[in-house]
């Protein structure tokens, strides 16, 4: 037993050391910057940096846009991945379709942006399709309309990964449960909501959390499209711009504020999932 524990520590040690050195230590050290004034003396200023950041108009815009994207993207990924996984199960869990859906997740962001700019260009495929239905052409890559290409890009990139996880969870559900439900007169929708969803709820919770986390990482694609001051300005834009100005106080303050909000959201989701399981 003790030998197994020593072997486990030997294998986990390098990874834990790297996590401590490159992640936990800088994260803890950033607290120092968030409560100092940034001068050569690094005088302690308490929560002054937090108050300045929270009152900053660009921070408010970035935070609002980031939360808006996450609230739109995460539920969309959750619903679409579940529906597609159920359809693939009915098709016999086709390996070809699963691999095809996973390709965008493995594709470099620069290549995806090139494809997306061709599709949503003023003379691109999307506007041409709209023209076939008599709809006016739009400039999708600028202004408020940029949200639609960004959301579709996020869904296209992350949908396959969630579908693969859902498909794996669906494979362990006994087919006899569906046969018994059919004999009792339960329809297809009733079977999926009363049998499938409750049995894959731990996986569903994981997928929702991953979709939420990935929604916060969509900054790279928006930056490639619109630059440092894109029309869809996110919180990551705010932090990136202040990092370029060597304003570490604002960067760390915004990062910890964002981390607190994300942890609060995850805590609410986790408590909700625990209560749901307790009532089952």
Protein backbone atom coordinates (compact mmCIF):
# COMPACT_ATOMS: atom_id res chain seq x y z
CA UNK A 1 0.00 0.00 0.00
CA UNK A 2 2.70 2.48 1.00
CA UNK A 3 4.76 1.42 -2.00
CA UNK A 4 1.83 2.30 -4.27
CA UNK A 5 1.54 5.71 -2.63
CA UNK A 6 5.24 6.39 -3.15
CA UNK A 7 4.95 5.40 -6.79
CA UNK A 8 1.90 7.65 -7.15
CA UNK A 9 3.80 10.58 -5.65
CA UNK A 10 6.73 9.87 -7.99
CA UNK A 11 4.50 10.11 -11.07
CA UNK A 12 2.43 13.06 -9.87
CA UNK A 13 5.33 15.02 -8.42
CA UNK A 14 6.68 16.65 -11.62
CA UNK A 15 3.22 17.69 -12.75
CA UNK A 16 2.31 19.10 -9.33
CA UNK A 17 5.62 20.94 -9.16
CA UNK A 18 5.02 22.52 -12.55
CA UNK A 19 1.50 23.49 -11.49
CA UNK A 20 2.86 25.10 -8.33
CA UNK A 21 5.68 26.99 -10.06
CA UNK A 22 3.94 28.17 -13.21
CA UNK A 23 0.32 28.58 -12.05
CA UNK A 24 -0.27 28.74 -8.29
CA UNK A 25 2.78 30.85 -7.42
CA UNK A 26 2.12 33.52 -10.10
CA UNK A 27 -1.56 33.55 -9.17
CA UNK A 28 -0.70 34.16 -5.51
CA UNK A 29 2.00 36.70 -6.47
CA UNK A 30 -0.52 38.63 -8.53
CA UNK A 31 -2.38 39.50 -5.34
CA UNK A 32 0.59 41.69 -4.43
CA UNK A 33 0.28 43.68 -7.65
CA UNK A 34 -3.46 44.11 -7.28
CA UNK A 35 -3.12 45.94 -3.95
CA UNK A 36 -0.11 48.18 -4.81
CA UNK A 37 0.09 51.44 -6.76
CA UNK A 38 2.57 50.31 -9.44
CA UNK A 39 5.21 52.91 -8.55
CA UNK A 40 8.84 52.11 -7.83
CA UNK A 41 7.91 51.93 -4.15
CA UNK A 42 4.90 49.65 -4.74
CA UNK A 43 2.99 51.33 -1.97
CA UNK A 44 0.05 49.45 -0.50
CA UNK A 45 -3.27 50.95 -1.67
CA UNK A 46 -5.73 48.34 -0.46
CA UNK A 47 -8.85 48.03 -2.64
CA UNK A 48 -8.26 51.28 -4.57
CA UNK A 49 -7.30 49.39 -7.74
CA UNK A 50 -10.46 47.29 -7.54
CA UNK A 51 -12.62 50.38 -7.18
CA UNK A 52 -10.93 52.06 -10.15
CA UNK A 53 -11.30 48.99 -12.34
CA UNK A 54 -14.95 48.44 -11.41
CA UNK A 55 -15.68 52.07 -12.27
CA UNK A 56 -13.81 51.85 -15.59
CA UNK A 57 -16.25 52.04 -18.50
CA UNK A 58 -14.23 49.69 -20.74
CA UNK A 59 -14.05 47.11 -17.96
CA UNK A 60 -17.83 47.24 -17.60
CA UNK A 61 -18.31 46.84 -21.35
CA UNK A 62 -15.86 43.93 -21.50
CA UNK A 63 -17.40 42.16 -18.52
CA UNK A 64 -20.92 42.59 -19.89
CA UNK A 65 -19.96 41.25 -23.33
CA UNK A 66 -18.04 38.31 -21.84
CA UNK A 67 -20.92 37.25 -19.62
CA UNK A 68 -23.35 37.72 -22.50
CA UNK A 69 -21.32 35.43 -24.76
CA UNK A 70 -21.06 32.78 -22.07
CA UNK A 71 -24.80 32.88 -21.35
CA UNK A 72 -25.54 32.40 -25.04
CA UNK A 73 -22.81 29.91 -25.98
CA UNK A 74 -22.82 27.46 -23.06
CA UNK A 75 -26.55 26.54 -23.18
CA UNK A 76 -26.40 26.31 -26.99
CA UNK A 77 -23.49 23.84 -26.84
CA UNK A 78 -25.24 21.84 -24.12
CA UNK A 79 -28.54 21.44 -26.01
CA UNK A 80 -27.05 20.88 -29.48
CA UNK A 81 -24.44 18.37 -28.31
CA UNK A 82 -27.08 16.33 -26.47
CA UNK A 83 -29.44 16.27 -29.45
CA UNK A 84 -26.67 15.33 -31.90
CA UNK A 85 -25.33 12.63 -29.56
CA UNK A 86 -28.80 11.07 -29.36
CA UNK A 87 -29.10 11.14 -33.16
CA UNK A 88 -25.66 9.54 -33.56
CA UNK A 89 -26.67 6.83 -31.10
CA UNK A 90 -29.66 6.04 -33.29
CA UNK A 91 -27.35 5.85 -36.32
CA UNK A 92 -25.19 3.28 -34.57
CA UNK A 93 -22.57 5.71 -33.15
CA UNK A 94 -20.97 6.34 -36.52
CA UNK A 95 -17.24 6.84 -36.07
CA UNK A 96 -17.05 8.88 -39.26
CA UNK A 97 -19.53 11.51 -38.07
CA UNK A 98 -17.93 11.77 -34.64
CA UNK A 99 -14.47 12.26 -36.11
CA UNK A 100 -15.79 14.78 -38.62
CA UNK A 101 -17.37 16.83 -35.85
CA UNK A 102 -14.17 16.74 -33.82
CA UNK A 103 -12.02 18.19 -36.63
CA UNK A 104 -12.89 21.88 -35.96
CA UNK A 105 -11.74 21.45 -32.34
CA UNK A 106 -8.32 20.31 -33.61
CA UNK A 107 -8.07 22.97 -36.31
CA UNK A 108 -5.77 25.99 -35.68
CA UNK A 109 -7.64 29.18 -34.84
CA UNK A 110 -5.96 31.09 -37.68
CA UNK A 111 -7.31 28.62 -40.25
CA UNK A 112 -10.79 28.79 -38.74
CA UNK A 113 -10.73 32.59 -38.88
CA UNK A 114 -9.79 32.54 -42.57
CA UNK A 115 -12.72 30.24 -43.31
CA UNK A 116 -15.08 32.36 -41.24
CA UNK A 117 -14.01 35.60 -42.89
CA UNK A 118 -14.70 34.06 -46.30
CA UNK A 119 -18.10 32.79 -45.20
CA UNK A 120 -19.24 36.02 -43.50
CA UNK A 121 -17.59 38.50 -45.87
CA UNK A 122 -19.91 41.05 -47.48
CA UNK A 123 -19.74 39.04 -50.71
CA UNK A 124 -19.36 35.72 -48.91
CA UNK A 125 -21.43 32.57 -48.72
CA UNK A 126 -23.73 33.69 -45.92
CA UNK A 127 -24.77 36.92 -47.63
CA UNK A 128 -25.27 35.08 -50.92
CA UNK A 129 -27.62 32.64 -49.20
CA UNK A 130 -29.52 35.56 -47.69
CA UNK A 131 -29.81 37.07 -51.16
CA UNK A 132 -31.50 33.89 -52.41
CA UNK A 133 -34.27 34.48 -49.87
CA UNK A 134 -34.58 38.17 -50.75
CA UNK A 135 -32.87 39.38 -47.56
CA UNK A 136 -30.48 42.36 -47.63
CA UNK A 137 -26.74 41.81 -47.30
CA UNK A 138 -25.11 42.70 -43.99
CA UNK A 139 -21.62 43.55 -42.79
CA UNK A 140 -21.28 40.72 -40.28
CA UNK A 141 -17.68 41.27 -39.19
CA UNK A 142 -18.21 44.76 -37.76
CA UNK A 143 -20.48 46.37 -35.21
CA UNK A 144 -23.13 44.62 -33.16
CA UNK A 145 -23.64 41.97 -35.86
CA UNK A 146 -20.21 40.51 -35.03
CA UNK A 147 -21.87 38.56 -32.22
CA UNK A 148 -23.52 36.13 -34.63
CA UNK A 149 -20.31 34.99 -36.43
CA UNK A 150 -18.47 34.74 -33.11
CA UNK A 151 -21.20 32.61 -31.50
CA UNK A 152 -21.44 30.35 -34.56
CA UNK A 153 -17.65 30.02 -34.65
CA UNK A 154 -17.60 29.01 -30.98
CA UNK A 155 -20.34 26.43 -31.54
CA UNK A 156 -18.63 25.02 -34.63
CA UNK A 157 -15.31 24.69 -32.82
CA UNK A 158 -16.52 23.20 -29.52
CA UNK A 159 -19.61 21.21 -30.49
CA UNK A 160 -17.77 18.05 -31.60
CA UNK A 161 -15.83 17.71 -28.34
CA UNK A 162 -19.04 17.85 -26.30
CA UNK A 163 -20.78 15.41 -28.64
CA UNK A 164 -18.00 12.85 -28.16
CA UNK A 165 -18.30 13.08 -24.36
CA UNK A 166 -22.09 12.80 -24.47
CA UNK A 167 -21.88 9.83 -26.86
CA UNK A 168 -19.60 7.95 -24.47
CA UNK A 169 -22.08 8.51 -21.64
CA UNK A 170 -25.04 7.35 -23.73
CA UNK A 171 -23.34 4.05 -24.58
CA UNK A 172 -23.51 2.80 -20.97
CA UNK A 173 -27.29 3.24 -20.63
CA UNK A 174 -29.01 -0.20 -20.79
CA UNK A 175 -31.19 -0.56 -23.88
CA UNK A 176 -33.68 -2.54 -21.80
CA UNK A 177 -34.82 0.68 -20.11
CA UNK A 178 -35.94 2.15 -23.43
CA UNK A 179 -37.67 -1.09 -24.42
CA UNK A 180 -39.58 -1.18 -21.14
CA UNK A 181 -40.55 2.48 -21.51
CA UNK A 182 -41.83 1.80 -25.04
CA UNK A 183 -43.96 -1.06 -23.76
CA UNK A 184 -45.43 1.30 -21.17
CA UNK A 185 -46.37 3.75 -23.92
CA UNK A 186 -43.67 6.38 -23.35
CA UNK A 187 -42.89 8.44 -26.44
CA UNK A 188 -39.47 9.38 -27.71
CA UNK A 189 -39.36 12.77 -25.98
CA UNK A 190 -40.54 11.23 -22.71
CA UNK A 191 -37.83 8.55 -22.88
CA UNK A 192 -35.05 11.07 -23.44
CA UNK A 193 -36.18 13.39 -20.64
CA UNK A 194 -37.06 10.69 -18.09
CA UNK A 195 -34.33 8.13 -18.82
CA UNK A 196 -31.43 9.59 -20.78
CA UNK A 197 -30.99 13.00 -19.14
CA UNK A 198 -31.16 11.76 -15.50
CA UNK A 199 -28.68 8.94 -16.17
CA UNK A 200 -26.15 11.19 -17.91
CA UNK A 201 -26.58 14.13 -15.52
CA UNK A 202 -22.97 13.97 -14.17
CA UNK A 203 -21.66 14.06 -17.75
CA UNK A 204 -24.14 16.80 -18.63
CA UNK A 205 -22.87 18.89 -15.73
CA UNK A 206 -19.27 18.39 -16.89
CA UNK A 207 -20.15 19.40 -20.46
CA UNK A 208 -21.94 22.53 -19.28
CA UNK A 209 -18.95 23.56 -17.16
CA UNK A 210 -16.51 22.92 -20.03
CA UNK A 211 -18.73 24.85 -22.44
CA UNK A 212 -18.82 27.75 -19.98
CA UNK A 213 -15.04 27.74 -19.55
CA UNK A 214 -14.45 27.59 -23.31
CA UNK A 215 -16.83 30.52 -23.80
CA UNK A 216 -14.46 32.64 -21.70
CA UNK A 217 -11.56 31.68 -24.00
CA UNK A 218 -13.12 33.00 -27.19
CA UNK A 219 -10.98 36.16 -27.02
CA UNK A 220 -8.34 34.87 -29.44
CA UNK A 221 -10.80 34.52 -32.31
CA UNK A 222 -12.32 37.95 -31.68
CA UNK A 223 -8.85 39.49 -31.50
CA UNK A 224 -7.91 38.01 -34.88
CA UNK A 225 -11.05 39.52 -36.42
CA UNK A 226 -11.29 42.94 -34.79
CA UNK A 227 -7.93 43.61 -33.16
CA UNK A 228 -7.25 45.07 -29.72
CA UNK A 229 -10.37 47.25 -29.76
CA UNK A 230 -12.88 45.03 -31.52
CA UNK A 231 -16.54 46.00 -31.70
CA UNK A 232 -17.19 42.99 -29.49
CA UNK A 233 -14.90 44.14 -26.68
CA UNK A 234 -14.41 41.46 -24.01
CA UNK A 235 -12.82 41.38 -20.60
CA UNK A 236 -9.80 39.63 -22.10
CA UNK A 237 -9.34 42.65 -24.40
CA UNK A 238 -9.25 44.87 -21.33
CA UNK A 239 -6.60 42.74 -19.63
CA UNK A 240 -4.54 42.28 -22.80
CA UNK A 241 -4.47 46.02 -23.54
CA UNK A 242 -3.40 46.94 -20.02
CA UNK A 243 -0.77 44.20 -20.04
CA UNK A 244 0.69 45.79 -23.19
CA UNK A 245 0.91 49.06 -21.25
CA UNK A 246 2.68 47.24 -18.37
CA UNK A 247 -0.21 48.18 -16.09
CA UNK A 248 -0.04 45.01 -14.02
CA UNK A 249 -2.24 46.46 -11.31
CA UNK A 250 -5.26 46.69 -13.62
CA UNK A 251 -4.49 43.32 -15.21
CA UNK A 252 -4.35 41.42 -11.93
CA UNK A 253 -7.32 43.30 -10.47
CA UNK A 254 -9.49 42.51 -13.50
CA UNK A 255 -8.28 38.88 -13.52
CA UNK A 256 -9.15 38.30 -9.86
CA UNK A 257 -12.50 40.02 -10.25
CA UNK A 258 -13.25 37.78 -13.20
CA UNK A 259 -12.06 34.69 -11.31
CA UNK A 260 -14.35 35.53 -8.38
CA UNK A 261 -17.34 35.86 -10.71
CA UNK A 262 -16.55 32.56 -12.47
CA UNK A 263 -16.10 30.71 -9.17
CA UNK A 264 -19.40 32.12 -7.90
CA UNK A 265 -21.20 30.92 -11.04
CA UNK A 266 -19.62 27.46 -10.78
CA UNK A 267 -20.55 27.28 -7.09
CA UNK A 268 -24.19 28.00 -7.94
CA UNK A 269 -24.15 25.34 -10.68
CA UNK A 270 -22.50 22.81 -8.38
CA UNK A 271 -24.96 23.38 -5.53
CA UNK A 272 -27.86 23.15 -7.97
CA UNK A 273 -26.54 19.82 -9.28
CA UNK A 274 -26.09 18.44 -5.75
CA UNK A 275 -29.65 19.41 -4.81
CA UNK A 276 -30.98 17.85 -7.99
CA UNK A 277 -29.21 14.58 -7.24
CA UNK A 278 -30.48 14.62 -3.66
CA UNK A 279 -34.07 14.93 -4.88
CA UNK A 280 -33.78 12.07 -7.37
